Amino acid sequence: MSVLFFLLDTFFFFLVAAALLRAWMNQQRIHMSAQPGRLAIAVTDWLVAPVRRILPRALVQSRLDWGSLMAALLLALAYGGIWLMLAVVVSPSDVSSAAMFLAVPTLAFKLIVRTMLQGLMLLLLAYAVLSWVQPHAPLLVTLDRLCGPLLRPVRRIVPMVGGVDLSVLLLIILLQVGLMLLG
């Protein structure tokens, strides 16, 4: 059964991460024709497009991509519901309906936070590796625009050491601590 939970976690991590990445790229005004924008659109458009149609016009036209954020929330809630149903099937016990009702939003919240932290770590790792091995890659420009707002405050605190920017390392460590606190 642990394999099933692993597959469920991986599947929903990928979907929620794509929706959150889409929202972040739109927030940073990065054209979606650049990678990883095309991937995010291909993976999430089946849900984001209908959600945008039912959102109020003011939300759709705001700078924040509410359609992608709502899609991530709906996916996380679906994950919580499916996870809870599987958990009840695996070990049925006397769990009150109130506890089950609270478990779904809690699982959804944890998935969204975990996905944000792990997704940022993946973006930062790709940014760091690409900046060292291929500093003129077109993808590096997109990664710099995605990671730059997060790295700027850290770069003000952490100086360059021997020409190496350690802000990425420090931010990855902080994200890892956040994952540990999330449990």
C-alpha atoms as a PDB file:
ATOM      1  CA  MET A   1       0.000   0.000   0.000  1.00  0.00           C
ATOM      2  CA  SER A   2       2.961   2.326   0.544  1.00  0.00           C
ATOM      3  CA  VAL A   3       3.624   2.167  -3.208  1.00  0.00           C
ATOM      4  CA  LEU A   4       0.110   3.452  -3.851  1.00  0.00           C
ATOM      5  CA  PHE A   5       0.604   6.353  -1.428  1.00  0.00           C
ATOM      6  CA  PHE A   6       3.959   7.141  -3.073  1.00  0.00           C
ATOM      7  CA  LEU A   7       2.363   7.208  -6.538  1.00  0.00           C
ATOM      8  CA  LEU A   8      -0.493   9.372  -5.258  1.00  0.00           C
ATOM      9  CA  ASP A   9       1.960  11.817  -3.651  1.00  0.00           C
ATOM     10  CA  THR A  10       4.101  11.977  -6.790  1.00  0.00           C
ATOM     11  CA  PHE A  11       1.159  12.456  -9.155  1.00  0.00           C
ATOM     12  CA  PHE A  12      -0.426  15.247  -7.128  1.00  0.00           C
ATOM     13  CA  PHE A  13       2.962  16.864  -6.390  1.00  0.00           C
ATOM     14  CA  PHE A  14       3.555  17.150 -10.130  1.00  0.00           C
ATOM     15  CA  LEU A  15       0.094  18.602 -10.829  1.00  0.00           C
ATOM     16  CA  VAL A  16       0.111  21.077  -7.914  1.00  0.00           C
ATOM     17  CA  ALA A  17       3.700  22.104  -8.695  1.00  0.00           C
ATOM     18  CA  ALA A  18       2.756  22.811 -12.319  1.00  0.00           C
ATOM     19  CA  ALA A  19      -0.225  24.940 -11.241  1.00  0.00           C
ATOM     20  CA  LEU A  20       1.875  26.869  -8.703  1.00  0.00           C
ATOM     21  CA  LEU A  21       4.678  27.335 -11.242  1.00  0.00           C
ATOM     22  CA  ARG A  22       2.159  28.683 -13.724  1.00  0.00           C
ATOM     23  CA  ALA A  23       0.882  31.169 -11.137  1.00  0.00           C
ATOM     24  CA  TRP A  24       4.441  32.214 -10.197  1.00  0.00           C
ATOM     25  CA  MET A  25       5.461  32.688 -13.850  1.00  0.00           C
ATOM     26  CA  ASN A  26       2.382  34.833 -14.461  1.00  0.00           C
ATOM     27  CA  GLN A  27       3.103  36.820 -11.295  1.00  0.00           C
ATOM     28  CA  GLN A  28       6.659  37.489 -12.505  1.00  0.00           C
ATOM     29  CA  ARG A  29       5.362  38.383 -15.996  1.00  0.00           C
ATOM     30  CA  ILE A  30       7.372  35.632 -17.671  1.00  0.00           C
ATOM     31  CA  HIS A  31       6.061  34.745 -21.107  1.00  0.00           C
ATOM     32  CA  MET A  32       4.587  31.260 -20.987  1.00  0.00           C
ATOM     33  CA  SER A  33       6.144  30.265 -24.315  1.00  0.00           C
ATOM     34  CA  ALA A  34       9.443  29.852 -22.449  1.00  0.00           C
ATOM     35  CA  GLN A  35      10.162  26.538 -20.783  1.00  0.00           C
ATOM     36  CA  PRO A  36       8.948  25.517 -18.198  1.00  0.00           C
ATOM     37  CA  GLY A  37       5.849  27.593 -19.018  1.00  0.00           C
ATOM     38  CA  ARG A  38       4.760  25.397 -21.913  1.00  0.00           C
ATOM     39  CA  LEU A  39       4.976  22.334 -19.678  1.00  0.00           C
ATOM     40  CA  ALA A  40       2.970  24.025 -16.916  1.00  0.00           C
ATOM     41  CA  ILE A  41       0.254  25.022 -19.381  1.00  0.00           C
ATOM     42  CA  ALA A  42       0.128  21.561 -20.975  1.00  0.00           C
ATOM     43  CA  VAL A  43      -0.233  19.868 -17.590  1.00  0.00           C
ATOM     44  CA  THR A  44      -2.725  22.263 -15.981  1.00  0.00           C
ATOM     45  CA  ASP A  45      -4.841  23.819 -18.714  1.00  0.00           C
ATOM     46  CA  TRP A  46      -7.535  21.130 -18.400  1.00  0.00           C
ATOM     47  CA  LEU A  47      -8.329  22.533 -14.933  1.00  0.00           C
ATOM     48  CA  VAL A  48      -7.159  26.158 -15.023  1.00  0.00           C
ATOM     49  CA  ALA A  49      -9.244  27.131 -18.078  1.00  0.00           C
ATOM     50  CA  PRO A  50     -12.619  26.039 -16.582  1.00  0.00           C
ATOM     51  CA  VAL A  51     -11.725  27.565 -13.200  1.00  0.00           C
ATOM     52  CA  ARG A  52     -10.962  30.907 -14.864  1.00  0.00           C
ATOM     53  CA  ARG A  53     -14.353  30.842 -16.582  1.00  0.00           C
ATOM     54  CA  ILE A  54     -16.209  30.587 -13.268  1.00  0.00           C
ATOM     55  CA  LEU A  55     -14.101  33.122 -11.368  1.00  0.00           C
ATOM     56  CA  PRO A  56     -15.364  36.713 -11.143  1.00  0.00           C
ATOM     57  CA  ARG A  57     -13.940  38.984 -13.830  1.00  0.00           C
ATOM     58  CA  ALA A  58     -12.119  41.140 -11.264  1.00  0.00           C
ATOM     59  CA  LEU A  59     -10.141  38.119 -10.048  1.00  0.00           C
ATOM     60  CA  VAL A  60      -9.332  36.916 -13.557  1.00  0.00           C
ATOM     61  CA  GLN A  61      -8.010  40.348 -14.550  1.00  0.00           C
ATOM     62  CA  SER A  62      -5.971  40.920 -11.383  1.00  0.00           C
ATOM     63  CA  ARG A  63      -2.189  40.602 -11.428  1.00  0.00           C
ATOM     64  CA  LEU A  64      -2.369  37.452  -9.325  1.00  0.00           C
ATOM     65  CA  ASP A  65      -3.217  34.318 -11.330  1.00  0.00           C
ATOM     66  CA  TRP A  66      -6.238  33.201  -9.312  1.00  0.00           C
ATOM     67  CA  GLY A  67      -7.167  30.531 -11.848  1.00  0.00           C
ATOM     68  CA  SER A  68      -3.890  28.671 -11.355  1.00  0.00           C
ATOM     69  CA  LEU A  69      -3.952  29.159  -7.587  1.00  0.00           C
ATOM     70  CA  MET A  70      -7.521  27.856  -7.332  1.00  0.00           C
ATOM     71  CA  ALA A  71      -6.577  24.907  -9.540  1.00  0.00           C
ATOM     72  CA  ALA A  72      -3.684  24.107  -7.162  1.00  0.00           C
ATOM     73  CA  LEU A  73      -6.069  24.338  -4.209  1.00  0.00           C
ATOM     74  CA  LEU A  74      -8.661  22.075  -5.865  1.00  0.00           C
ATOM     75  CA  LEU A  75      -5.969  19.531  -6.740  1.00  0.00           C
ATOM     76  CA  ALA A  76      -4.653  19.602  -3.176  1.00  0.00           C
ATOM     77  CA  LEU A  77      -8.160  19.082  -1.770  1.00  0.00           C
ATOM     78  CA  ALA A  78      -8.679  16.167  -4.173  1.00  0.00           C
ATOM     79  CA  TYR A  79      -5.367  14.728  -2.966  1.00  0.00           C
ATOM     80  CA  GLY A  80      -6.486  15.067   0.654  1.00  0.00           C
ATOM     81  CA  GLY A  81      -9.789  13.334  -0.060  1.00  0.00           C
ATOM     82  CA  ILE A  82      -8.239  10.461  -2.006  1.00  0.00           C
ATOM     83  CA  TRP A  83      -5.464  10.038   0.578  1.00  0.00           C
ATOM     84  CA  LEU A  84      -7.995   9.924   3.404  1.00  0.00           C
ATOM     85  CA  MET A  85     -10.208   7.396   1.596  1.00  0.00           C
ATOM     86  CA  LEU A  86      -7.209   5.141   0.995  1.00  0.00           C
ATOM     87  CA  ALA A  87      -6.084   5.514   4.610  1.00  0.00           C
ATOM     88  CA  VAL A  88      -9.535   4.524   5.871  1.00  0.00           C
ATOM     89  CA  VAL A  89      -9.562   1.486   3.562  1.00  0.00           C
ATOM     90  CA  VAL A  90      -6.104   0.429   4.760  1.00  0.00           C
ATOM     91  CA  SER A  91      -6.803   0.792   8.469  1.00  0.00           C
ATOM     92  CA  PRO A  92     -10.475   1.317   9.254  1.00  0.00           C
ATOM     93  CA  SER A  93     -10.880   2.639  12.767  1.00  0.00           C
ATOM     94  CA  ASP A  94     -13.250   4.658  14.861  1.00  0.00           C
ATOM     95  CA  VAL A  95     -12.380   8.047  13.441  1.00  0.00           C
ATOM     96  CA  SER A  96     -15.014  10.674  14.022  1.00  0.00           C
ATOM     97  CA  SER A  97     -16.474  12.418  11.011  1.00  0.00           C
ATOM     98  CA  ALA A  98     -15.295  15.763  12.421  1.00  0.00           C
ATOM     99  CA  ALA A  99     -11.693  14.530  12.452  1.00  0.00           C
ATOM    100  CA  MET A 100     -12.079  13.242   8.893  1.00  0.00           C
ATOM    101  CA  PHE A 101     -13.592  16.561   7.818  1.00  0.00           C
ATOM    102  CA  LEU A 102     -10.577  18.437   9.202  1.00  0.00           C
ATOM    103  CA  ALA A 103      -8.070  15.948   7.780  1.00  0.00           C
ATOM    104  CA  VAL A 104      -8.762  16.838   4.138  1.00  0.00           C
ATOM    105  CA  PRO A 105      -7.922  20.570   4.403  1.00  0.00           C
ATOM    106  CA  THR A 106      -4.951  19.765   6.624  1.00  0.00           C
ATOM    107  CA  LEU A 107      -3.561  17.296   4.086  1.00  0.00           C
ATOM    108  CA  ALA A 108      -4.247  19.791   1.284  1.00  0.00           C
ATOM    109  CA  PHE A 109      -2.447  22.588   3.146  1.00  0.00           C
ATOM    110  CA  LYS A 110       0.557  20.377   3.865  1.00  0.00           C
ATOM    111  CA  LEU A 111       0.728  19.299   0.211  1.00  0.00           C
ATOM    112  CA  ILE A 112       0.678  22.891  -1.035  1.00  0.00           C
ATOM    113  CA  VAL A 113       3.360  24.045   1.413  1.00  0.00           C
ATOM    114  CA  ARG A 114       5.526  20.966   0.780  1.00  0.00           C
ATOM    115  CA  THR A 115       5.153  21.412  -2.976  1.00  0.00           C
ATOM    116  CA  MET A 116       6.118  25.075  -2.763  1.00  0.00           C
ATOM    117  CA  LEU A 117       9.207  24.324  -0.678  1.00  0.00           C
ATOM    118  CA  GLN A 118      10.341  21.349  -2.768  1.00  0.00           C
ATOM    119  CA  GLY A 119       9.529  23.118  -6.027  1.00  0.00           C
ATOM    120  CA  LEU A 120      11.594  26.133  -5.004  1.00  0.00           C
ATOM    121  CA  MET A 121      14.451  23.821  -4.066  1.00  0.00           C
ATOM    122  CA  LEU A 122      14.300  22.193  -7.505  1.00  0.00           C
ATOM    123  CA  LEU A 123      14.268  25.588  -9.246  1.00  0.00           C
ATOM    124  CA  LEU A 124      17.209  26.780  -7.143  1.00  0.00           C
ATOM    125  CA  LEU A 125      19.208  23.606  -7.813  1.00  0.00           C
ATOM    126  CA  ALA A 126      18.581  23.885 -11.551  1.00  0.00           C
ATOM    127  CA  TYR A 127      19.534  27.575 -11.400  1.00  0.00           C
ATOM    128  CA  ALA A 128      22.779  26.880  -9.503  1.00  0.00           C
ATOM    129  CA  VAL A 129      23.878  23.978 -11.697  1.00  0.00           C
ATOM    130  CA  LEU A 130      23.006  25.743 -14.941  1.00  0.00           C
ATOM    131  CA  SER A 131      24.783  28.943 -13.858  1.00  0.00           C
ATOM    132  CA  TRP A 132      27.966  26.928 -13.301  1.00  0.00           C
ATOM    133  CA  VAL A 133      27.948  24.554 -16.284  1.00  0.00           C
ATOM    134  CA  GLN A 134      26.153  26.586 -18.947  1.00  0.00           C
ATOM    135  CA  PRO A 135      25.860  30.251 -17.927  1.00  0.00           C
ATOM    136  CA  HIS A 136      24.538  31.367 -21.330  1.00  0.00           C
ATOM    137  CA  ALA A 137      21.649  28.884 -21.569  1.00  0.00           C
ATOM    138  CA  PRO A 138      18.302  30.465 -22.502  1.00  0.00           C
ATOM    139  CA  LEU A 139      16.606  28.595 -19.642  1.00  0.00           C
ATOM    140  CA  LEU A 140      18.895  30.356 -17.166  1.00  0.00           C
ATOM    141  CA  VAL A 141      17.227  33.693 -17.966  1.00  0.00           C
ATOM    142  CA  THR A 142      13.840  32.248 -17.030  1.00  0.00           C
ATOM    143  CA  LEU A 143      15.220  30.583 -13.904  1.00  0.00           C
ATOM    144  CA  ASP A 144      16.881  33.852 -12.901  1.00  0.00           C
ATOM    145  CA  ARG A 145      13.570  35.681 -13.191  1.00  0.00           C
ATOM    146  CA  LEU A 146      11.850  32.961 -11.148  1.00  0.00           C
ATOM    147  CA  CYS A 147      14.519  32.697  -8.430  1.00  0.00           C
ATOM    148  CA  GLY A 148      15.724  36.304  -8.393  1.00  0.00           C
ATOM    149  CA  PRO A 149      12.976  37.743  -6.152  1.00  0.00           C
ATOM    150  CA  LEU A 150      13.722  35.067  -3.560  1.00  0.00           C
ATOM    151  CA  LEU A 151      17.504  35.399  -3.780  1.00  0.00           C
ATOM    152  CA  ARG A 152      17.746  39.211  -3.650  1.00  0.00           C
ATOM    153  CA  PRO A 153      17.072  39.548   0.102  1.00  0.00           C
ATOM    154  CA  VAL A 154      19.480  36.697   0.871  1.00  0.00           C
ATOM    155  CA  ARG A 155      22.184  38.236  -1.353  1.00  0.00           C
ATOM    156  CA  ARG A 156      21.997  41.437   0.702  1.00  0.00           C
ATOM    157  CA  ILE A 157      22.947  39.419   3.793  1.00  0.00           C
ATOM    158  CA  VAL A 158      25.318  36.758   2.418  1.00  0.00           C
ATOM    159  CA  PRO A 159      28.460  38.098   0.707  1.00  0.00           C
ATOM    160  CA  MET A 160      30.148  36.416  -2.264  1.00  0.00           C
ATOM    161  CA  VAL A 161      32.921  34.078  -1.116  1.00  0.00           C
ATOM    162  CA  GLY A 162      35.763  33.663  -3.575  1.00  0.00           C
ATOM    163  CA  GLY A 163      33.522  34.733  -6.431  1.00  0.00           C
ATOM    164  CA  VAL A 164      30.896  32.121  -5.522  1.00  0.00           C
ATOM    165  CA  ASP A 165      27.337  33.157  -4.687  1.00  0.00           C
ATOM    166  CA  LEU A 166      26.360  31.233  -1.542  1.00  0.00           C
ATOM    167  CA  SER A 167      22.869  32.731  -1.363  1.00  0.00           C
ATOM    168  CA  VAL A 168      21.438  29.780  -3.295  1.00  0.00           C
ATOM    169  CA  LEU A 169      22.962  27.330  -0.825  1.00  0.00           C
ATOM    170  CA  LEU A 170      21.647  29.268   2.170  1.00  0.00           C
ATOM    171  CA  LEU A 171      18.147  29.488   0.684  1.00  0.00           C
ATOM    172  CA  ILE A 172      18.133  25.744  -0.058  1.00  0.00           C
ATOM    173  CA  ILE A 173      19.146  25.066   3.554  1.00  0.00           C
ATOM    174  CA  LEU A 174      16.343  27.332   4.816  1.00  0.00           C
ATOM    175  CA  LEU A 175      13.829  25.569   2.568  1.00  0.00           C
ATOM    176  CA  GLN A 176      15.045  22.207   3.847  1.00  0.00           C
ATOM    177  CA  VAL A 177      14.547  23.411   7.436  1.00  0.00           C
ATOM    178  CA  GLY A 178      11.019  24.454   6.464  1.00  0.00           C
ATOM    179  CA  LEU A 179      10.374  20.957   5.116  1.00  0.00           C
ATOM    180  CA  MET A 180      11.637  19.438   8.358  1.00  0.00           C
ATOM    181  CA  LEU A 181       9.369  21.696  10.406  1.00  0.00           C
ATOM    182  CA  LEU A 182       6.438  20.718   8.190  1.00  0.00           C
ATOM    183  CA  GLY A 183       7.124  17.090   9.086  1.00  0.00           C
END
